[in-house]
Amino acid sequence: MVVKKWEADFTFQKEALKVVPLRVYFPNIPLYCKGVDTLSRLESLLGTPFYADECTTQQLRVSFSWILVEIY
């Protein structure tokens, strides 16, 4: 599902999406792989890194990490 900002001249014609935001979930990755550099490399393999939550960037959560990546 793609949600877009409301516009007054909105039409229901289909648009070709060029960029798709994708939330990526990394379960059970080792603690030594949770550094910013390692996660950034993983993100770059998938697409353009866009966002990571605070628990992921500060390494506050041990069980999983999630990021938002733009896929072209």
C-alpha atoms as a PDB file:
ATOM      1  CA  MET A   1       0.000   0.000   0.000  1.00  0.00           C
ATOM      2  CA  VAL A   2       1.308   3.430  -0.900  1.00  0.00           C
ATOM      3  CA  VAL A   3      -0.029   6.501   0.891  1.00  0.00           C
ATOM      4  CA  LYS A   4       0.364   9.906  -0.712  1.00  0.00           C
ATOM      5  CA  LYS A   5      -0.344  13.443   0.413  1.00  0.00           C
ATOM      6  CA  TRP A   6      -3.864  14.641  -0.480  1.00  0.00           C
ATOM      7  CA  GLU A   7      -4.087  17.089  -3.372  1.00  0.00           C
ATOM      8  CA  ALA A   8      -7.169  19.004  -4.564  1.00  0.00           C
ATOM      9  CA  ASP A   9      -6.690  17.886  -8.204  1.00  0.00           C
ATOM     10  CA  PHE A  10      -6.296  14.194  -7.288  1.00  0.00           C
ATOM     11  CA  THR A  11      -7.202  11.648  -9.971  1.00  0.00           C
ATOM     12  CA  PHE A  12      -7.473   7.884  -9.775  1.00  0.00           C
ATOM     13  CA  GLN A  13      -5.223   7.304 -12.773  1.00  0.00           C
ATOM     14  CA  LYS A  14      -2.454   4.857 -12.113  1.00  0.00           C
ATOM     15  CA  GLU A  15       1.040   6.238 -11.731  1.00  0.00           C
ATOM     16  CA  ALA A  16       4.226   4.337 -12.349  1.00  0.00           C
ATOM     17  CA  LEU A  17       6.159   4.251  -9.091  1.00  0.00           C
ATOM     18  CA  LYS A  18       9.865   4.867  -9.501  1.00  0.00           C
ATOM     19  CA  VAL A  19      10.870   4.686  -5.853  1.00  0.00           C
ATOM     20  CA  VAL A  20       9.315   2.367  -3.268  1.00  0.00           C
ATOM     21  CA  PRO A  21      10.027   2.741   0.458  1.00  0.00           C
ATOM     22  CA  LEU A  22      10.548  -0.650   2.057  1.00  0.00           C
ATOM     23  CA  ARG A  23      10.760  -1.458   5.760  1.00  0.00           C
ATOM     24  CA  VAL A  24      13.394  -4.143   6.309  1.00  0.00           C
ATOM     25  CA  TYR A  25      13.452  -6.264   9.443  1.00  0.00           C
ATOM     26  CA  PHE A  26      16.667  -7.988  10.573  1.00  0.00           C
ATOM     27  CA  PRO A  27      15.842 -10.630  13.217  1.00  0.00           C
ATOM     28  CA  ASN A  28      18.473 -12.236  15.424  1.00  0.00           C
ATOM     29  CA  ILE A  29      21.555 -10.606  13.921  1.00  0.00           C
ATOM     30  CA  PRO A  30      24.661 -10.879  16.111  1.00  0.00           C
ATOM     31  CA  LEU A  31      25.413  -7.964  18.405  1.00  0.00           C
ATOM     32  CA  TYR A  32      28.704  -7.200  16.635  1.00  0.00           C
ATOM     33  CA  CYS A  33      26.713  -6.641  13.390  1.00  0.00           C
ATOM     34  CA  LYS A  34      24.488  -3.987  14.953  1.00  0.00           C
ATOM     35  CA  GLY A  35      26.989  -1.152  14.571  1.00  0.00           C
ATOM     36  CA  VAL A  36      26.097   1.808  12.368  1.00  0.00           C
ATOM     37  CA  ASP A  37      28.744   0.900   9.766  1.00  0.00           C
ATOM     38  CA  THR A  38      27.600  -2.708   9.416  1.00  0.00           C
ATOM     39  CA  LEU A  39      23.908  -1.832   9.215  1.00  0.00           C
ATOM     40  CA  SER A  40      24.688   0.877   6.671  1.00  0.00           C
ATOM     41  CA  ARG A  41      26.463  -1.669   4.480  1.00  0.00           C
ATOM     42  CA  LEU A  42      23.496  -4.037   4.709  1.00  0.00           C
ATOM     43  CA  GLU A  43      21.133  -1.199   3.799  1.00  0.00           C
ATOM     44  CA  SER A  44      23.257  -0.189   0.808  1.00  0.00           C
ATOM     45  CA  LEU A  45      23.035  -3.717  -0.589  1.00  0.00           C
ATOM     46  CA  LEU A  46      19.255  -3.390  -0.737  1.00  0.00           C
ATOM     47  CA  GLY A  47      18.851   0.221  -1.854  1.00  0.00           C
ATOM     48  CA  THR A  48      19.309   3.744  -0.544  1.00  0.00           C
ATOM     49  CA  PRO A  49      19.266   3.979   3.278  1.00  0.00           C
ATOM     50  CA  PHE A  50      16.517   6.333   4.409  1.00  0.00           C
ATOM     51  CA  TYR A  51      15.751   5.872   8.115  1.00  0.00           C
ATOM     52  CA  ALA A  52      16.549   3.719  11.139  1.00  0.00           C
ATOM     53  CA  ASP A  53      14.719   3.943  14.444  1.00  0.00           C
ATOM     54  CA  GLU A  54      16.448   5.197  17.595  1.00  0.00           C
ATOM     55  CA  CYS A  55      16.621   1.745  19.205  1.00  0.00           C
ATOM     56  CA  THR A  56      18.493   0.453  16.160  1.00  0.00           C
ATOM     57  CA  THR A  57      20.939   3.346  15.857  1.00  0.00           C
ATOM     58  CA  GLN A  58      21.654   3.477  19.605  1.00  0.00           C
ATOM     59  CA  GLN A  59      21.807  -0.344  19.873  1.00  0.00           C
ATOM     60  CA  LEU A  60      19.173  -0.364  22.632  1.00  0.00           C
ATOM     61  CA  ARG A  61      17.310  -3.412  21.350  1.00  0.00           C
ATOM     62  CA  VAL A  62      19.127  -6.749  21.148  1.00  0.00           C
ATOM     63  CA  SER A  63      16.520  -9.017  19.517  1.00  0.00           C
ATOM     64  CA  PHE A  64      16.039  -7.268  16.147  1.00  0.00           C
ATOM     65  CA  SER A  65      16.720  -4.179  14.026  1.00  0.00           C
ATOM     66  CA  TRP A  66      14.629  -2.456  11.397  1.00  0.00           C
ATOM     67  CA  ILE A  67      15.408   0.158   8.781  1.00  0.00           C
ATOM     68  CA  LEU A  68      13.645   1.992   5.957  1.00  0.00           C
ATOM     69  CA  VAL A  69      15.257   1.669   2.523  1.00  0.00           C
ATOM     70  CA  GLU A  70      14.291   3.274  -0.792  1.00  0.00           C
ATOM     71  CA  ILE A  71      14.255   0.732  -3.613  1.00  0.00           C
ATOM     72  CA  TYR A  72      14.595   2.037  -7.194  1.00  0.00           C
END
